[in-house]
Amino acid sequence: TLRQMEKEGLCKTEWEPLEGGTARRMYSLTDEGEVFLGAWVE
C-alpha cells in the first residue's frame, strides 16, 4: 500500500541511517497526501 501511495504522489520515502551501518526506509506524507488523508478522515 505504501509503494502504491508513493506512485500516486501521496507519500515519499527517505532512507534513515541506523547505528551499525544499516538503514531503514521512512515514509512521510506529501502535501497531496495530507489533503487526501483529511478528506478520508472526514
All heavy atoms as atom14 arrays in JSON, in Angstrom:
{
  "sequence": "TLRQMEKEGLCKTEWEPLEGGTARRMYSLTDEGEVFLGAWVE",
  "atom14_mask": [
    [1, 1, 1, 1, 1, 1, 1, 0, 0, 0, 0, 0, 0, 0],
    [1, 1, 1, 1, 1, 1, 1, 1, 0, 0, 0, 0, 0, 0],
    [1, 1, 1, 1, 1, 1, 1, 1, 1, 1, 1, 0, 0, 0],
    [1, 1, 1, 1, 1, 1, 1, 1, 1, 0, 0, 0, 0, 0],
    [1, 1, 1, 1, 1, 1, 1, 1, 0, 0, 0, 0, 0, 0],
    [1, 1, 1, 1, 1, 1, 1, 1, 1, 0, 0, 0, 0, 0],
    [1, 1, 1, 1, 1, 1, 1, 1, 1, 0, 0, 0, 0, 0],
    [1, 1, 1, 1, 1, 1, 1, 1, 1, 0, 0, 0, 0, 0],
    [1, 1, 1, 1, 0, 0, 0, 0, 0, 0, 0, 0, 0, 0],
    [1, 1, 1, 1, 1, 1, 1, 1, 0, 0, 0, 0, 0, 0],
    [1, 1, 1, 1, 1, 1, 0, 0, 0, 0, 0, 0, 0, 0],
    [1, 1, 1, 1, 1, 1, 1, 1, 1, 0, 0, 0, 0, 0],
    [1, 1, 1, 1, 1, 1, 1, 0, 0, 0, 0, 0, 0, 0],
    [1, 1, 1, 1, 1, 1, 1, 1, 1, 0, 0, 0, 0, 0],
    [1, 1, 1, 1, 1, 1, 1, 1, 1, 1, 1, 1, 1, 1],
    [1, 1, 1, 1, 1, 1, 1, 1, 1, 0, 0, 0, 0, 0],
    [1, 1, 1, 1, 1, 1, 1, 0, 0, 0, 0, 0, 0, 0],
    [1, 1, 1, 1, 1, 1, 1, 1, 0, 0, 0, 0, 0, 0],
    [1, 1, 1, 1, 1, 1, 1, 1, 1, 0, 0, 0, 0, 0],
    [1, 1, 1, 1, 0, 0, 0, 0, 0, 0, 0, 0, 0, 0],
    [1, 1, 1, 1, 0, 0, 0, 0, 0, 0, 0, 0, 0, 0],
    [1, 1, 1, 1, 1, 1, 1, 0, 0, 0, 0, 0, 0, 0],
    [1, 1, 1, 1, 1, 0, 0, 0, 0, 0, 0, 0, 0, 0],
    [1, 1, 1, 1, 1, 1, 1, 1, 1, 1, 1, 0, 0, 0],
    [1, 1, 1, 1, 1, 1, 1, 1, 1, 1, 1, 0, 0, 0],
    [1, 1, 1, 1, 1, 1, 1, 1, 0, 0, 0, 0, 0, 0],
    [1, 1, 1, 1, 1, 1, 1, 1, 1, 1, 1, 1, 0, 0],
    [1, 1, 1, 1, 1, 1, 0, 0, 0, 0, 0, 0, 0, 0],
    [1, 1, 1, 1, 1, 1, 1, 1, 0, 0, 0, 0, 0, 0],
    [1, 1, 1, 1, 1, 1, 1, 0, 0, 0, 0, 0, 0, 0],
    [1, 1, 1, 1, 1, 1, 1, 1, 0, 0, 0, 0, 0, 0],
    [1, 1, 1, 1, 1, 1, 1, 1, 1, 0, 0, 0, 0, 0],
    [1, 1, 1, 1, 0, 0, 0, 0, 0, 0, 0, 0, 0, 0],
    [1, 1, 1, 1, 1, 1, 1, 1, 1, 0, 0, 0, 0, 0],
    [1, 1, 1, 1, 1, 1, 1, 0, 0, 0, 0, 0, 0, 0],
    [1, 1, 1, 1, 1, 1, 1, 1, 1, 1, 1, 0, 0, 0],
    [1, 1, 1, 1, 1, 1, 1, 1, 0, 0, 0, 0, 0, 0],
    [1, 1, 1, 1, 0, 0, 0, 0, 0, 0, 0, 0, 0, 0],
    [1, 1, 1, 1, 1, 0, 0, 0, 0, 0, 0, 0, 0, 0],
    [1, 1, 1, 1, 1, 1, 1, 1, 1, 1, 1, 1, 1, 1],
    [1, 1, 1, 1, 1, 1, 1, 0, 0, 0, 0, 0, 0, 0],
    [1, 1, 1, 1, 1, 1, 1, 1, 1, 0, 0, 0, 0, 0]
  ],
  "atom14_positions": [
    [[0.83, -1.21, 0.0], [0.0, 0.0, 0.0], [0.87, 1.26, 0.0], [0.59, 2.21, -0.74], [-0.95, 0.0, 1.21], [-1.78, -1.16, 1.14], [-1.81, 1.25, 1.24], [0.0, 0.0, 0.0], [0.0, 0.0, 0.0], [0.0, 0.0, 0.0], [0.0, 0.0, 0.0], [0.0, 0.0, 0.0], [0.0, 0.0, 0.0], [0.0, 0.0, 0.0]],
    [[1.93, 1.27, 0.8], [2.81, 2.43, 0.83], [3.48, 2.65, -0.52], [3.61, 3.8, -0.98], [3.87, 2.26, 1.93], [3.36, 2.42, 3.36], [4.4, 1.94, 4.35], [2.96, 3.86, 3.63], [0.0, 0.0, 0.0], [0.0, 0.0, 0.0], [0.0, 0.0, 0.0], [0.0, 0.0, 0.0], [0.0, 0.0, 0.0], [0.0, 0.0, 0.0]],
    [[3.91, 1.59, -1.19], [4.51, 1.74, -2.52], [3.5, 2.31, -3.52], [3.83, 3.16, -4.33], [5.07, 0.4, -3.01], [6.39, 0.04, -2.33], [7.05, -1.15, -2.99], [6.26, -2.38, -2.91], [6.26, -3.22, -1.9], [7.0, -2.99, -0.84], [5.52, -4.3, -1.93], [0.0, 0.0, 0.0], [0.0, 0.0, 0.0], [0.0, 0.0, 0.0]],
    [[2.24, 1.85, -3.42], [1.2, 2.37, -4.32], [0.94, 3.85, -4.02], [0.77, 4.66, -4.93], [-0.09, 1.56, -4.18], [-1.2, 2.01, -5.12], [-0.81, 1.86, -6.58], [-0.19, 0.89, -6.97], [-1.19, 2.83, -7.39], [0.0, 0.0, 0.0], [0.0, 0.0, 0.0], [0.0, 0.0, 0.0], [0.0, 0.0, 0.0], [0.0, 0.0, 0.0]],
    [[0.9, 4.2, -2.73], [0.71, 5.6, -2.35], [1.85, 6.46, -2.88], [1.63, 7.59, -3.34], [0.61, 5.73, -0.84], [-0.66, 5.18, -0.24], [-0.64, 5.2, 1.57], [-0.51, 6.96, 1.91], [0.0, 0.0, 0.0], [0.0, 0.0, 0.0], [0.0, 0.0, 0.0], [0.0, 0.0, 0.0], [0.0, 0.0, 0.0], [0.0, 0.0, 0.0]],
    [[3.06, 5.93, -2.85], [4.21, 6.68, -3.36], [4.07, 6.91, -4.87], [4.32, 8.01, -5.37], [5.5, 5.93, -3.04], [6.75, 6.73, -3.37], [8.01, 6.03, -2.92], [8.0, 4.8, -2.68], [9.03, 6.74, -2.82], [0.0, 0.0, 0.0], [0.0, 0.0, 0.0], [0.0, 0.0, 0.0], [0.0, 0.0, 0.0], [0.0, 0.0, 0.0]],
    [[3.63, 5.89, -5.6], [3.4, 6.04, -7.05], [2.36, 7.11, -7.34], [2.44, 7.81, -8.34], [2.94, 4.7, -7.65], [4.02, 3.68, -7.77], [3.46, 2.41, -8.38], [4.48, 1.29, -8.36], [3.91, 0.04, -8.86], [0.0, 0.0, 0.0], [0.0, 0.0, 0.0], [0.0, 0.0, 0.0], [0.0, 0.0, 0.0], [0.0, 0.0, 0.0]],
    [[1.37, 7.22, -6.46], [0.29, 8.19, -6.64], [0.65, 9.58, -6.11], [-0.16, 10.5, -6.18], [-0.98, 7.67, -5.97], [-1.52, 6.42, -6.63], [-2.69, 5.82, -5.87], [-3.19, 6.42, -4.9], [-3.11, 4.7, -6.26], [0.0, 0.0, 0.0], [0.0, 0.0, 0.0], [0.0, 0.0, 0.0], [0.0, 0.0, 0.0], [0.0, 0.0, 0.0]],
    [[1.83, 9.72, -5.54], [2.28, 11.01, -5.03], [1.72, 11.37, -3.66], [1.77, 12.53, -3.26], [0.0, 0.0, 0.0], [0.0, 0.0, 0.0], [0.0, 0.0, 0.0], [0.0, 0.0, 0.0], [0.0, 0.0, 0.0], [0.0, 0.0, 0.0], [0.0, 0.0, 0.0], [0.0, 0.0, 0.0], [0.0, 0.0, 0.0], [0.0, 0.0, 0.0]],
    [[1.2, 10.4, -2.93], [0.61, 10.66, -1.62], [1.62, 10.57, -0.49], [1.38, 11.1, 0.59], [-0.55, 9.69, -1.36], [-1.7, 9.76, -2.37], [-2.72, 8.66, -2.07], [-2.34, 11.13, -2.37], [0.0, 0.0, 0.0], [0.0, 0.0, 0.0], [0.0, 0.0, 0.0], [0.0, 0.0, 0.0], [0.0, 0.0, 0.0], [0.0, 0.0, 0.0]],
    [[2.74, 9.88, -0.74], [3.8, 9.82, 0.27], [5.14, 9.79, -0.44], [5.22, 9.59, -1.65], [3.63, 8.62, 1.21], [3.95, 7.01, 0.48], [0.0, 0.0, 0.0], [0.0, 0.0, 0.0], [0.0, 0.0, 0.0], [0.0, 0.0, 0.0], [0.0, 0.0, 0.0], [0.0, 0.0, 0.0], [0.0, 0.0, 0.0], [0.0, 0.0, 0.0]],
    [[6.19, 9.99, 0.34], [7.55, 9.92, -0.19], [8.39, 9.12, 0.8], [7.99, 8.94, 1.96], [8.13, 11.3, -0.4], [8.21, 12.14, 0.86], [8.7, 13.53, 0.55], [8.69, 14.35, 1.85], [9.11, 15.7, 1.64], [0.0, 0.0, 0.0], [0.0, 0.0, 0.0], [0.0, 0.0, 0.0], [0.0, 0.0, 0.0], [0.0, 0.0, 0.0]],
    [[9.52, 8.63, 0.33], [10.38, 7.85, 1.2], [11.78, 8.46, 1.25], [12.21, 9.11, 0.31], [10.51, 6.39, 0.71], [11.09, 6.4, -0.59], [9.18, 5.69, 0.68], [0.0, 0.0, 0.0], [0.0, 0.0, 0.0], [0.0, 0.0, 0.0], [0.0, 0.0, 0.0], [0.0, 0.0, 0.0], [0.0, 0.0, 0.0], [0.0, 0.0, 0.0]],
    [[12.42, 8.21, 2.37], [13.82, 8.57, 2.57], [14.46, 7.45, 3.35], [13.81, 6.77, 4.13], [13.93, 9.88, 3.35], [13.4, 11.1, 2.64], [13.5, 12.36, 3.48], [14.17, 12.33, 4.54], [12.9, 13.37, 3.09], [0.0, 0.0, 0.0], [0.0, 0.0, 0.0], [0.0, 0.0, 0.0], [0.0, 0.0, 0.0], [0.0, 0.0, 0.0]],
    [[15.76, 7.27, 3.13], [16.49, 6.27, 3.89], [17.09, 6.93, 5.11], [17.75, 7.96, 5.01], [17.58, 5.63, 3.03], [17.0, 4.71, 2.01], [16.74, 5.0, 0.7], [16.57, 3.38, 2.21], [16.19, 3.93, 0.07], [16.07, 2.9, 0.97], [16.56, 2.53, 3.31], [15.57, 1.62, 0.82], [16.06, 1.24, 3.15], [15.57, 0.8, 1.92]],
    [[16.82, 6.36, 6.27], [17.35, 6.88, 7.53], [18.43, 5.93, 8.04], [18.14, 4.77, 8.31], [16.22, 7.0, 8.55], [16.68, 7.52, 9.9], [15.51, 7.61, 10.87], [14.73, 8.57, 10.76], [15.39, 6.71, 11.72], [0.0, 0.0, 0.0], [0.0, 0.0, 0.0], [0.0, 0.0, 0.0], [0.0, 0.0, 0.0], [0.0, 0.0, 0.0]],
    [[19.66, 6.42, 8.15], [20.72, 5.53, 8.65], [20.52, 5.16, 10.11], [20.02, 5.97, 10.9], [21.99, 6.36, 8.46], [21.56, 7.76, 8.25], [20.12, 7.75, 7.85], [0.0, 0.0, 0.0], [0.0, 0.0, 0.0], [0.0, 0.0, 0.0], [0.0, 0.0, 0.0], [0.0, 0.0, 0.0], [0.0, 0.0, 0.0], [0.0, 0.0, 0.0]],
    [[20.86, 3.94, 10.44], [20.78, 3.45, 11.81], [22.18, 3.09, 12.29], [23.1, 2.91, 11.48], [19.88, 2.22, 11.89], [18.41, 2.41, 11.53], [17.7, 1.07, 11.54], [17.74, 3.36, 12.52], [0.0, 0.0, 0.0], [0.0, 0.0, 0.0], [0.0, 0.0, 0.0], [0.0, 0.0, 0.0], [0.0, 0.0, 0.0], [0.0, 0.0, 0.0]],
    [[22.31, 2.97, 13.57], [23.6, 2.51, 14.12], [23.91, 1.13, 13.58], [23.02, 0.31, 13.41], [23.53, 2.48, 15.65], [23.43, 3.85, 16.28], [23.4, 3.77, 17.8], [24.02, 2.85, 18.36], [22.74, 4.63, 18.4], [0.0, 0.0, 0.0], [0.0, 0.0, 0.0], [0.0, 0.0, 0.0], [0.0, 0.0, 0.0], [0.0, 0.0, 0.0]],
    [[25.16, 0.88, 13.31], [25.55, -0.42, 12.78], [25.64, -0.44, 11.27], [25.84, -1.49, 10.68], [0.0, 0.0, 0.0], [0.0, 0.0, 0.0], [0.0, 0.0, 0.0], [0.0, 0.0, 0.0], [0.0, 0.0, 0.0], [0.0, 0.0, 0.0], [0.0, 0.0, 0.0], [0.0, 0.0, 0.0], [0.0, 0.0, 0.0], [0.0, 0.0, 0.0]],
    [[25.42, 0.71, 10.62], [25.59, 0.8, 9.18], [24.38, 0.44, 8.35], [24.41, 0.57, 7.14], [0.0, 0.0, 0.0], [0.0, 0.0, 0.0], [0.0, 0.0, 0.0], [0.0, 0.0, 0.0], [0.0, 0.0, 0.0], [0.0, 0.0, 0.0], [0.0, 0.0, 0.0], [0.0, 0.0, 0.0], [0.0, 0.0, 0.0], [0.0, 0.0, 0.0]],
    [[23.32, -0.04, 8.97], [22.12, -0.35, 8.21], [21.26, 0.92, 8.08], [21.52, 1.92, 8.72], [21.29, -1.47, 8.88], [20.92, -1.02, 10.18], [22.08, -2.74, 8.97], [0.0, 0.0, 0.0], [0.0, 0.0, 0.0], [0.0, 0.0, 0.0], [0.0, 0.0, 0.0], [0.0, 0.0, 0.0], [0.0, 0.0, 0.0], [0.0, 0.0, 0.0]],
    [[20.27, 0.85, 7.26], [19.35, 1.97, 7.09], [17.93, 1.44, 7.01], [17.7, 0.28, 6.67], [19.68, 2.76, 5.83], [0.0, 0.0, 0.0], [0.0, 0.0, 0.0], [0.0, 0.0, 0.0], [0.0, 0.0, 0.0], [0.0, 0.0, 0.0], [0.0, 0.0, 0.0], [0.0, 0.0, 0.0], [0.0, 0.0, 0.0], [0.0, 0.0, 0.0]],
    [[17.0, 2.28, 7.34], [15.59, 1.88, 7.21], [14.88, 2.94, 6.38], [15.22, 4.11, 6.39], [14.92, 1.69, 8.56], [14.76, 2.95, 9.36], [14.03, 2.66, 10.65], [14.0, 3.87, 11.46], [13.47, 3.95, 12.64], [12.93, 2.87, 13.19], [13.47, 5.07, 13.32], [0.0, 0.0, 0.0], [0.0, 0.0, 0.0], [0.0, 0.0, 0.0]],
    [[13.89, 2.48, 5.67], [13.1, 3.35, 4.81], [12.04, 4.03, 5.66], [11.28, 3.37, 6.36], [12.47, 2.54, 3.7], [11.73, 3.34, 2.69], [11.21, 2.46, 1.6], [11.98, 2.79, 0.41], [11.86, 2.17, -0.74], [11.05, 1.15, -0.86], [12.57, 2.55, -1.77], [0.0, 0.0, 0.0], [0.0, 0.0, 0.0], [0.0, 0.0, 0.0]],
    [[11.96, 5.34, 5.58], [10.97, 6.12, 6.32], [9.99, 6.74, 5.34], [10.41, 7.32, 4.33], [11.66, 7.21, 7.14], [12.62, 6.67, 8.2], [11.81, 5.67, 9.45], [10.81, 6.89, 10.27], [0.0, 0.0, 0.0], [0.0, 0.0, 0.0], [0.0, 0.0, 0.0], [0.0, 0.0, 0.0], [0.0, 0.0, 0.0], [0.0, 0.0, 0.0]],
    [[8.72, 6.62, 5.63], [7.67, 7.16, 4.78], [7.08, 8.41, 5.42], [6.92, 8.47, 6.64], [6.55, 6.13, 4.6], [6.97, 4.93, 3.8], [7.59, 3.84, 4.4], [6.74, 4.88, 2.44], [7.98, 2.74, 3.67], [7.11, 3.77, 1.69], [7.74, 2.71, 2.31], [8.11, 1.63, 1.58], [0.0, 0.0, 0.0], [0.0, 0.0, 0.0]],
    [[6.76, 9.39, 4.6], [6.08, 10.58, 5.09], [5.08, 11.05, 4.03], [5.26, 10.8, 2.83], [7.07, 11.7, 5.42], [7.8, 12.07, 4.27], [0.0, 0.0, 0.0], [0.0, 0.0, 0.0], [0.0, 0.0, 0.0], [0.0, 0.0, 0.0], [0.0, 0.0, 0.0], [0.0, 0.0, 0.0], [0.0, 0.0, 0.0], [0.0, 0.0, 0.0]],
    [[4.03, 11.71, 4.5], [3.0, 12.19, 3.59], [3.49, 13.41, 2.83], [4.19, 14.25, 3.37], [1.74, 12.57, 4.36], [0.94, 11.43, 4.96], [-0.23, 11.97, 5.76], [0.45, 10.48, 3.88], [0.0, 0.0, 0.0], [0.0, 0.0, 0.0], [0.0, 0.0, 0.0], [0.0, 0.0, 0.0], [0.0, 0.0, 0.0], [0.0, 0.0, 0.0]],
    [[3.09, 13.51, 1.58], [3.3, 14.72, 0.8], [2.15, 15.67, 1.1], [1.19, 15.31, 1.81], [3.32, 14.4, -0.71], [2.03, 13.84, -1.06], [4.43, 13.42, -1.07], [0.0, 0.0, 0.0], [0.0, 0.0, 0.0], [0.0, 0.0, 0.0], [0.0, 0.0, 0.0], [0.0, 0.0, 0.0], [0.0, 0.0, 0.0], [0.0, 0.0, 0.0]],
    [[2.22, 16.88, 0.56], [1.1, 17.82, 0.74], [-0.18, 17.23, 0.17], [-1.25, 17.34, 0.77], [1.42, 19.16, 0.06], [2.51, 19.93, 0.77], [2.8, 19.62, 1.96], [3.08, 20.85, 0.16], [0.0, 0.0, 0.0], [0.0, 0.0, 0.0], [0.0, 0.0, 0.0], [0.0, 0.0, 0.0], [0.0, 0.0, 0.0], [0.0, 0.0, 0.0]],
    [[-0.07, 16.59, -1.0], [-1.24, 15.94, -1.6], [-1.76, 14.82, -0.71], [-2.97, 14.62, -0.57], [-0.88, 15.4, -2.98], [-2.05, 14.83, -3.74], [-1.65, 14.32, -5.12], [-0.57, 14.68, -5.62], [-2.45, 13.56, -5.69], [0.0, 0.0, 0.0], [0.0, 0.0, 0.0], [0.0, 0.0, 0.0], [0.0, 0.0, 0.0], [0.0, 0.0, 0.0]],
    [[-0.85, 14.1, -0.07], [-1.24, 13.03, 0.85], [-1.96, 13.56, 2.07], [-2.91, 12.96, 2.57], [0.0, 0.0, 0.0], [0.0, 0.0, 0.0], [0.0, 0.0, 0.0], [0.0, 0.0, 0.0], [0.0, 0.0, 0.0], [0.0, 0.0, 0.0], [0.0, 0.0, 0.0], [0.0, 0.0, 0.0], [0.0, 0.0, 0.0], [0.0, 0.0, 0.0]],
    [[-1.51, 14.72, 2.57], [-2.19, 15.36, 3.72], [-3.62, 15.73, 3.35], [-4.55, 15.53, 4.14], [-1.42, 16.59, 4.17], [-0.11, 16.3, 4.87], [-0.28, 15.8, 6.29], [-1.4, 15.78, 6.83], [0.75, 15.4, 6.87], [0.0, 0.0, 0.0], [0.0, 0.0, 0.0], [0.0, 0.0, 0.0], [0.0, 0.0, 0.0], [0.0, 0.0, 0.0]],
    [[-3.81, 16.28, 2.16], [-5.16, 16.66, 1.7], [-6.03, 15.41, 1.58], [-7.18, 15.39, 2.03], [-5.09, 17.42, 0.36], [-6.47, 17.6, -0.25], [-4.41, 18.77, 0.56], [0.0, 0.0, 0.0], [0.0, 0.0, 0.0], [0.0, 0.0, 0.0], [0.0, 0.0, 0.0], [0.0, 0.0, 0.0], [0.0, 0.0, 0.0], [0.0, 0.0, 0.0]],
    [[-5.47, 14.35, 0.97], [-6.21, 13.1, 0.81], [-6.59, 12.53, 2.17], [-7.73, 12.1, 2.38], [-5.38, 12.09, 0.02], [-6.11, 10.81, -0.27], [-6.9, 10.7, -1.39], [-5.99, 9.73, 0.59], [-7.58, 9.52, -1.66], [-6.67, 8.55, 0.34], [-7.47, 8.44, -0.79], [0.0, 0.0, 0.0], [0.0, 0.0, 0.0], [0.0, 0.0, 0.0]],
    [[-5.64, 12.52, 3.12], [-5.91, 12.0, 4.46], [-7.02, 12.79, 5.14], [-7.93, 12.2, 5.74], [-4.64, 12.03, 5.3], [-4.78, 11.56, 6.76], [-5.26, 10.12, 6.82], [-3.46, 11.74, 7.49], [0.0, 0.0, 0.0], [0.0, 0.0, 0.0], [0.0, 0.0, 0.0], [0.0, 0.0, 0.0], [0.0, 0.0, 0.0], [0.0, 0.0, 0.0]],
    [[-6.97, 14.11, 5.03], [-8.02, 14.93, 5.63], [-9.4, 14.6, 5.07], [-10.38, 14.48, 5.81], [0.0, 0.0, 0.0], [0.0, 0.0, 0.0], [0.0, 0.0, 0.0], [0.0, 0.0, 0.0], [0.0, 0.0, 0.0], [0.0, 0.0, 0.0], [0.0, 0.0, 0.0], [0.0, 0.0, 0.0], [0.0, 0.0, 0.0], [0.0, 0.0, 0.0]],
    [[-9.47, 14.42, 3.75], [-10.75, 14.07, 3.12], [-11.22, 12.68, 3.55], [-12.41, 12.45, 3.78], [-10.62, 14.14, 1.6], [0.0, 0.0, 0.0], [0.0, 0.0, 0.0], [0.0, 0.0, 0.0], [0.0, 0.0, 0.0], [0.0, 0.0, 0.0], [0.0, 0.0, 0.0], [0.0, 0.0, 0.0], [0.0, 0.0, 0.0], [0.0, 0.0, 0.0]],
    [[-10.27, 11.75, 3.67], [-10.62, 10.39, 4.08], [-11.13, 10.37, 5.51], [-12.12, 9.7, 5.82], [-9.39, 9.49, 3.92], [-9.66, 8.05, 4.2], [-10.36, 7.17, 3.42], [-9.25, 7.32, 5.35], [-10.39, 5.93, 4.02], [-9.71, 5.99, 5.21], [-8.51, 7.66, 6.49], [-9.48, 5.02, 6.16], [-8.28, 6.68, 7.44], [-8.76, 5.38, 7.26]],
    [[-10.48, 11.1, 6.41], [-10.92, 11.16, 7.8], [-12.31, 11.79, 7.88], [-13.18, 11.32, 8.62], [-9.9, 11.93, 8.68], [-10.48, 12.26, 10.04], [-8.63, 11.13, 8.82], [0.0, 0.0, 0.0], [0.0, 0.0, 0.0], [0.0, 0.0, 0.0], [0.0, 0.0, 0.0], [0.0, 0.0, 0.0], [0.0, 0.0, 0.0], [0.0, 0.0, 0.0]],
    [[-12.53, 12.84, 7.09], [-13.86, 13.48, 7.07], [-14.92, 12.49, 6.6], [-16.01, 12.42, 7.18], [-13.81, 14.69, 6.15], [-15.05, 15.56, 6.22], [-14.89, 16.81, 5.38], [-13.86, 17.51, 5.52], [-15.81, 17.09, 4.59], [0.0, 0.0, 0.0], [0.0, 0.0, 0.0], [0.0, 0.0, 0.0], [0.0, 0.0, 0.0], [0.0, 0.0, 0.0]]
  ]
}
